[in-house]
């Protein structure tokens, strides 16, 4: 089942025991995307980011003092990831023996030199893994309809209505706010944060 924004909104309103018109009159409805974004930030920073990569190509003429520094320029960037970064380049360029090589970009040719900045030592095309936000509700706000399908794992989206309810109740009902904060924390703890692992697919060479 793919969740929509309308479903998330209805779930939050149900926890608040409000109709949409009532929530709007109370100036709560326009806070929902703000609170939803806070959940995404908390989840992606500490529990389950979206594993993404960016491809960066650098040429000889971009190098200064035998190195090149650049930002990832990824708007959803949170932090560098744990994937294997690679570089693809021409070996024996311009000769009859020229060939394209792809290999792991070790720290002798790739270093992380800032929040979202890398420095590389050889020209080539780099594949850099990073941890990203699943969604930015503020960026979607103008086009966020009830029918908008949210491309986010459901176990993350399930946390949002409880957090919205906790924040809204925090205005004047601390008991209910605490109840939904606790529910939110339980749902956070149940998020599946396992990553893909290829260790079970070894290929053994030879005639064994």
C-alpha atoms as a PDB file:
ATOM      1  CA  UNK A   1       0.000   0.000   0.000  1.00  0.00           C
ATOM      2  CA  UNK A   2       1.389   3.367  -1.010  1.00  0.00           C
ATOM      3  CA  UNK A   3       0.566   6.111   1.481  1.00  0.00           C
ATOM      4  CA  UNK A   4      -0.708   9.466   0.286  1.00  0.00           C
ATOM      5  CA  UNK A   5      -0.511  12.841   1.999  1.00  0.00           C
ATOM      6  CA  UNK A   6      -4.265  12.650   2.442  1.00  0.00           C
ATOM      7  CA  UNK A   7      -3.905   9.431   4.434  1.00  0.00           C
ATOM      8  CA  UNK A   8      -1.240  10.945   6.704  1.00  0.00           C
ATOM      9  CA  UNK A   9      -3.395  14.013   7.248  1.00  0.00           C
ATOM     10  CA  UNK A  10      -6.510  11.932   8.061  1.00  0.00           C
ATOM     11  CA  UNK A  11      -4.530   9.785  10.502  1.00  0.00           C
ATOM     12  CA  UNK A  12      -3.236  12.888  12.298  1.00  0.00           C
ATOM     13  CA  UNK A  13      -6.721  14.419  12.429  1.00  0.00           C
ATOM     14  CA  UNK A  14      -8.105  11.168  13.864  1.00  0.00           C
ATOM     15  CA  UNK A  15      -5.555  11.266  16.688  1.00  0.00           C
ATOM     16  CA  UNK A  16      -6.473  14.888  17.329  1.00  0.00           C
ATOM     17  CA  UNK A  17     -10.197  14.023  17.142  1.00  0.00           C
ATOM     18  CA  UNK A  18     -10.742  16.934  14.786  1.00  0.00           C
ATOM     19  CA  UNK A  19     -12.340  17.508  11.413  1.00  0.00           C
ATOM     20  CA  UNK A  20     -10.141  19.128   8.798  1.00  0.00           C
ATOM     21  CA  UNK A  21     -12.196  22.332   8.936  1.00  0.00           C
ATOM     22  CA  UNK A  22     -11.783  22.495  12.725  1.00  0.00           C
ATOM     23  CA  UNK A  23      -8.030  21.981  12.500  1.00  0.00           C
ATOM     24  CA  UNK A  24      -7.857  24.697   9.879  1.00  0.00           C
ATOM     25  CA  UNK A  25      -9.832  27.124  12.052  1.00  0.00           C
ATOM     26  CA  UNK A  26      -7.457  26.384  14.946  1.00  0.00           C
ATOM     27  CA  UNK A  27      -4.458  27.130  12.660  1.00  0.00           C
ATOM     28  CA  UNK A  28      -3.142  23.597  13.147  1.00  0.00           C
ATOM     29  CA  UNK A  29      -3.486  22.252   9.626  1.00  0.00           C
ATOM     30  CA  UNK A  30      -0.791  24.480   8.139  1.00  0.00           C
ATOM     31  CA  UNK A  31       1.677  23.130  10.727  1.00  0.00           C
ATOM     32  CA  UNK A  32       1.344  19.518   9.568  1.00  0.00           C
ATOM     33  CA  UNK A  33       4.031  19.746   6.869  1.00  0.00           C
ATOM     34  CA  UNK A  34       6.414  21.470   9.300  1.00  0.00           C
ATOM     35  CA  UNK A  35       6.014  18.652  11.832  1.00  0.00           C
ATOM     36  CA  UNK A  36       6.222  16.019   9.089  1.00  0.00           C
ATOM     37  CA  UNK A  37       9.555  17.494   7.975  1.00  0.00           C
ATOM     38  CA  UNK A  38      10.860  17.295  11.548  1.00  0.00           C
ATOM     39  CA  UNK A  39      10.105  13.565  11.587  1.00  0.00           C
ATOM     40  CA  UNK A  40      11.942  13.026   8.306  1.00  0.00           C
ATOM     41  CA  UNK A  41      14.985  14.914   9.631  1.00  0.00           C
ATOM     42  CA  UNK A  42      15.072  12.864  12.844  1.00  0.00           C
ATOM     43  CA  UNK A  43      14.655   9.548  11.031  1.00  0.00           C
ATOM     44  CA  UNK A  44      17.141  10.258   8.249  1.00  0.00           C
ATOM     45  CA  UNK A  45      19.806  11.663  10.573  1.00  0.00           C
ATOM     46  CA  UNK A  46      19.707   8.925  13.192  1.00  0.00           C
ATOM     47  CA  UNK A  47      17.870   5.822  11.998  1.00  0.00           C
ATOM     48  CA  UNK A  48      17.130   5.200   8.331  1.00  0.00           C
ATOM     49  CA  UNK A  49      18.386   7.602   5.649  1.00  0.00           C
ATOM     50  CA  UNK A  50      17.726   7.139   1.972  1.00  0.00           C
ATOM     51  CA  UNK A  51      20.855   5.572   0.500  1.00  0.00           C
ATOM     52  CA  UNK A  52      21.735   7.583  -2.602  1.00  0.00           C
ATOM     53  CA  UNK A  53      24.668   8.381  -4.856  1.00  0.00           C
ATOM     54  CA  UNK A  54      25.795  11.204  -7.084  1.00  0.00           C
ATOM     55  CA  UNK A  55      28.042  10.989 -10.145  1.00  0.00           C
ATOM     56  CA  UNK A  56      30.714  13.662 -10.494  1.00  0.00           C
ATOM     57  CA  UNK A  57      32.970  13.962 -13.536  1.00  0.00           C
ATOM     58  CA  UNK A  58      36.162  15.986 -13.329  1.00  0.00           C
ATOM     59  CA  UNK A  59      38.562  16.643 -16.191  1.00  0.00           C
ATOM     60  CA  UNK A  60      42.254  17.515 -16.366  1.00  0.00           C
ATOM     61  CA  UNK A  61      41.626  21.222 -16.826  1.00  0.00           C
ATOM     62  CA  UNK A  62      39.713  21.418 -13.531  1.00  0.00           C
ATOM     63  CA  UNK A  63      42.708  20.371 -11.433  1.00  0.00           C
ATOM     64  CA  UNK A  64      44.729  22.862  -9.423  1.00  0.00           C
ATOM     65  CA  UNK A  65      47.938  21.682  -7.751  1.00  0.00           C
ATOM     66  CA  UNK A  66      47.120  18.094  -8.734  1.00  0.00           C
ATOM     67  CA  UNK A  67      43.737  18.014  -7.025  1.00  0.00           C
ATOM     68  CA  UNK A  68      40.136  19.048  -7.528  1.00  0.00           C
ATOM     69  CA  UNK A  69      37.634  20.034  -4.833  1.00  0.00           C
ATOM     70  CA  UNK A  70      33.885  20.195  -5.366  1.00  0.00           C
ATOM     71  CA  UNK A  71      30.552  20.090  -3.534  1.00  0.00           C
ATOM     72  CA  UNK A  72      28.165  17.209  -4.110  1.00  0.00           C
ATOM     73  CA  UNK A  73      25.388  19.690  -4.975  1.00  0.00           C
ATOM     74  CA  UNK A  74      22.725  17.291  -3.698  1.00  0.00           C
ATOM     75  CA  UNK A  75      19.804  19.172  -2.134  1.00  0.00           C
ATOM     76  CA  UNK A  76      18.761  16.117  -0.109  1.00  0.00           C
ATOM     77  CA  UNK A  77      22.264  15.542   1.324  1.00  0.00           C
ATOM     78  CA  UNK A  78      22.581  14.645   5.018  1.00  0.00           C
ATOM     79  CA  UNK A  79      25.983  12.978   5.314  1.00  0.00           C
ATOM     80  CA  UNK A  80      28.418  10.823   3.383  1.00  0.00           C
ATOM     81  CA  UNK A  81      27.359   7.194   3.235  1.00  0.00           C
ATOM     82  CA  UNK A  82      29.034   3.871   3.814  1.00  0.00           C
ATOM     83  CA  UNK A  83      28.864   2.583   0.246  1.00  0.00           C
ATOM     84  CA  UNK A  84      31.929   1.810  -1.839  1.00  0.00           C
ATOM     85  CA  UNK A  85      32.892   4.946  -3.783  1.00  0.00           C
ATOM     86  CA  UNK A  86      34.342   4.292  -7.230  1.00  0.00           C
ATOM     87  CA  UNK A  87      36.226   6.123  -9.958  1.00  0.00           C
ATOM     88  CA  UNK A  88      36.131   5.379 -13.675  1.00  0.00           C
ATOM     89  CA  UNK A  89      38.996   6.664 -15.829  1.00  0.00           C
ATOM     90  CA  UNK A  90      41.000   6.012 -18.960  1.00  0.00           C
ATOM     91  CA  UNK A  91      44.202   4.063 -18.497  1.00  0.00           C
ATOM     92  CA  UNK A  92      46.906   4.518 -21.152  1.00  0.00           C
ATOM     93  CA  UNK A  93      44.755   7.310 -22.627  1.00  0.00           C
ATOM     94  CA  UNK A  94      45.479   8.101 -26.280  1.00  0.00           C
ATOM     95  CA  UNK A  95      47.411   4.908 -26.975  1.00  0.00           C
ATOM     96  CA  UNK A  96      46.461   1.649 -28.705  1.00  0.00           C
ATOM     97  CA  UNK A  97      46.323   0.109 -25.220  1.00  0.00           C
ATOM     98  CA  UNK A  98      43.738   2.563 -23.865  1.00  0.00           C
ATOM     99  CA  UNK A  99      41.089   0.979 -21.682  1.00  0.00           C
ATOM    100  CA  UNK A 100      38.427   2.117 -19.260  1.00  0.00           C
ATOM    101  CA  UNK A 101      38.999   1.173 -15.634  1.00  0.00           C
ATOM    102  CA  UNK A 102      36.513   1.297 -12.757  1.00  0.00           C
ATOM    103  CA  UNK A 103      37.944   0.762  -9.310  1.00  0.00           C
ATOM    104  CA  UNK A 104      37.414   1.648  -5.683  1.00  0.00           C
ATOM    105  CA  UNK A 105      38.278   5.273  -4.926  1.00  0.00           C
ATOM    106  CA  UNK A 106      40.541   4.792  -1.920  1.00  0.00           C
ATOM    107  CA  UNK A 107      41.696   7.637   0.318  1.00  0.00           C
ATOM    108  CA  UNK A 108      44.833   8.157  -1.749  1.00  0.00           C
ATOM    109  CA  UNK A 109      42.657   9.595  -4.539  1.00  0.00           C
ATOM    110  CA  UNK A 110      39.465  10.633  -2.720  1.00  0.00           C
ATOM    111  CA  UNK A 111      39.092  12.509   0.573  1.00  0.00           C
ATOM    112  CA  UNK A 112      36.136  14.144   2.289  1.00  0.00           C
ATOM    113  CA  UNK A 113      37.070  17.733   2.985  1.00  0.00           C
ATOM    114  CA  UNK A 114      33.916  19.317   4.323  1.00  0.00           C
ATOM    115  CA  UNK A 115      30.236  18.901   5.112  1.00  0.00           C
ATOM    116  CA  UNK A 116      29.386  17.827   1.547  1.00  0.00           C
ATOM    117  CA  UNK A 117      32.725  18.431  -0.178  1.00  0.00           C
ATOM    118  CA  UNK A 118      35.186  15.995  -1.732  1.00  0.00           C
ATOM    119  CA  UNK A 119      38.728  16.398  -2.986  1.00  0.00           C
ATOM    120  CA  UNK A 120      40.011  14.044  -5.692  1.00  0.00           C
ATOM    121  CA  UNK A 121      43.510  13.435  -7.014  1.00  0.00           C
ATOM    122  CA  UNK A 122      42.943  12.001 -10.497  1.00  0.00           C
ATOM    123  CA  UNK A 123      40.564  12.970 -13.326  1.00  0.00           C
ATOM    124  CA  UNK A 124      37.645  10.642 -13.870  1.00  0.00           C
ATOM    125  CA  UNK A 125      34.000   9.967 -13.119  1.00  0.00           C
ATOM    126  CA  UNK A 126      33.326   9.388  -9.437  1.00  0.00           C
ATOM    127  CA  UNK A 127      30.339   7.603  -7.940  1.00  0.00           C
ATOM    128  CA  UNK A 128      29.900   8.954  -4.414  1.00  0.00           C
ATOM    129  CA  UNK A 129      27.474   7.400  -1.940  1.00  0.00           C
ATOM    130  CA  UNK A 130      25.653   9.564   0.575  1.00  0.00           C
ATOM    131  CA  UNK A 131      22.782   9.515   3.075  1.00  0.00           C
ATOM    132  CA  UNK A 132      19.797  11.545   1.894  1.00  0.00           C
ATOM    133  CA  UNK A 133      16.395  12.756   3.028  1.00  0.00           C
ATOM    134  CA  UNK A 134      13.500  10.633   1.854  1.00  0.00           C
ATOM    135  CA  UNK A 135      11.338  13.675   1.153  1.00  0.00           C
ATOM    136  CA  UNK A 136      11.196  17.415   1.782  1.00  0.00           C
ATOM    137  CA  UNK A 137       7.621  18.380   2.564  1.00  0.00           C
ATOM    138  CA  UNK A 138       8.407  22.096   2.457  1.00  0.00           C
ATOM    139  CA  UNK A 139       9.635  21.774  -1.127  1.00  0.00           C
ATOM    140  CA  UNK A 140       6.395  20.009  -2.080  1.00  0.00           C
ATOM    141  CA  UNK A 141       4.091  22.281  -0.109  1.00  0.00           C
ATOM    142  CA  UNK A 142       2.633  24.209  -3.063  1.00  0.00           C
ATOM    143  CA  UNK A 143       1.865  20.973  -4.908  1.00  0.00           C
ATOM    144  CA  UNK A 144       1.046  18.725  -1.955  1.00  0.00           C
ATOM    145  CA  UNK A 145      -2.445  17.385  -2.636  1.00  0.00           C
ATOM    146  CA  UNK A 146      -4.311  14.710  -0.714  1.00  0.00           C
ATOM    147  CA  UNK A 147      -3.674  12.360  -3.620  1.00  0.00           C
ATOM    148  CA  UNK A 148       0.103  12.929  -3.608  1.00  0.00           C
ATOM    149  CA  UNK A 149       1.783   9.541  -3.187  1.00  0.00           C
ATOM    150  CA  UNK A 150       4.697   9.691  -0.741  1.00  0.00           C
ATOM    151  CA  UNK A 151       7.691   7.703  -1.967  1.00  0.00           C
ATOM    152  CA  UNK A 152       8.881   6.906   1.553  1.00  0.00           C
ATOM    153  CA  UNK A 153       8.921   3.575   3.447  1.00  0.00           C
ATOM    154  CA  UNK A 154       5.632   3.062   5.271  1.00  0.00           C
ATOM    155  CA  UNK A 155       7.296   2.391   8.628  1.00  0.00           C
ATOM    156  CA  UNK A 156       8.669   5.941   8.502  1.00  0.00           C
ATOM    157  CA  UNK A 157       5.390   7.482   7.390  1.00  0.00           C
ATOM    158  CA  UNK A 158       3.558   5.677  10.212  1.00  0.00           C
ATOM    159  CA  UNK A 159       5.530   7.812  12.691  1.00  0.00           C
ATOM    160  CA  UNK A 160       4.325  11.137  11.295  1.00  0.00           C
ATOM    161  CA  UNK A 161       0.688  11.277  12.551  1.00  0.00           C
ATOM    162  CA  UNK A 162       1.706  10.518  16.155  1.00  0.00           C
ATOM    163  CA  UNK A 163       4.381  13.215  16.060  1.00  0.00           C
ATOM    164  CA  UNK A 164       1.938  15.739  14.583  1.00  0.00           C
ATOM    165  CA  UNK A 165      -0.589  14.913  17.321  1.00  0.00           C
ATOM    166  CA  UNK A 166       2.060  15.238  20.052  1.00  0.00           C
ATOM    167  CA  UNK A 167       3.188  18.636  18.782  1.00  0.00           C
ATOM    168  CA  UNK A 168      -0.365  19.944  18.388  1.00  0.00           C
ATOM    169  CA  UNK A 169      -1.499  18.698  21.797  1.00  0.00           C
ATOM    170  CA  UNK A 170       1.639  20.236  23.312  1.00  0.00           C
ATOM    171  CA  UNK A 171      -0.043  23.621  23.002  1.00  0.00           C
ATOM    172  CA  UNK A 172      -2.596  22.996  25.767  1.00  0.00           C
ATOM    173  CA  UNK A 173      -2.818  19.287  26.745  1.00  0.00           C
ATOM    174  CA  UNK A 174       0.440  17.934  28.076  1.00  0.00           C
ATOM    175  CA  UNK A 175      -1.084  14.569  29.029  1.00  0.00           C
ATOM    176  CA  UNK A 176      -2.156  13.776  25.455  1.00  0.00           C
ATOM    177  CA  UNK A 177       1.052  15.280  24.099  1.00  0.00           C
ATOM    178  CA  UNK A 178       3.073  12.871  26.260  1.00  0.00           C
ATOM    179  CA  UNK A 179       0.887   9.957  25.177  1.00  0.00           C
ATOM    180  CA  UNK A 180       1.542  10.585  21.498  1.00  0.00           C
ATOM    181  CA  UNK A 181       5.232  11.362  22.038  1.00  0.00           C
ATOM    182  CA  UNK A 182       5.527   7.934  23.618  1.00  0.00           C
ATOM    183  CA  UNK A 183       3.648   6.363  20.698  1.00  0.00           C
ATOM    184  CA  UNK A 184       5.967   8.173  18.300  1.00  0.00           C
ATOM    185  CA  UNK A 185       9.074   6.860  20.092  1.00  0.00           C
ATOM    186  CA  UNK A 186       7.725   3.291  19.946  1.00  0.00           C
ATOM    187  CA  UNK A 187       7.083   3.593  16.227  1.00  0.00           C
ATOM    188  CA  UNK A 188      10.577   5.014  15.704  1.00  0.00           C
ATOM    189  CA  UNK A 189      12.081   2.026  17.481  1.00  0.00           C
ATOM    190  CA  UNK A 190      10.261  -0.329  15.103  1.00  0.00           C
ATOM    191  CA  UNK A 191      11.641   1.165  11.904  1.00  0.00           C
ATOM    192  CA  UNK A 192      13.555  -1.438   9.897  1.00  0.00           C
ATOM    193  CA  UNK A 193      16.989   0.121   9.421  1.00  0.00           C
ATOM    194  CA  UNK A 194      18.755  -2.852   7.879  1.00  0.00           C
ATOM    195  CA  UNK A 195      20.699  -2.155   4.693  1.00  0.00           C
ATOM    196  CA  UNK A 196      21.321  -4.440   1.737  1.00  0.00           C
ATOM    197  CA  UNK A 197      24.165  -6.886   2.335  1.00  0.00           C
ATOM    198  CA  UNK A 198      25.803  -8.765  -0.503  1.00  0.00           C
ATOM    199  CA  UNK A 199      27.895 -10.973   1.771  1.00  0.00           C
ATOM    200  CA  UNK A 200      25.638 -13.951   1.060  1.00  0.00           C
ATOM    201  CA  UNK A 201      26.364 -13.921  -2.674  1.00  0.00           C
ATOM    202  CA  UNK A 202      30.066 -14.754  -2.850  1.00  0.00           C
ATOM    203  CA  UNK A 203      31.350 -16.094  -6.164  1.00  0.00           C
ATOM    204  CA  UNK A 204      34.245 -18.491  -5.678  1.00  0.00           C
ATOM    205  CA  UNK A 205      36.709 -18.888  -8.527  1.00  0.00           C
ATOM    206  CA  UNK A 206      38.387 -22.095  -9.616  1.00  0.00           C
ATOM    207  CA  UNK A 207      37.029 -25.567 -10.285  1.00  0.00           C
ATOM    208  CA  UNK A 208      35.686 -26.257  -6.786  1.00  0.00           C
END
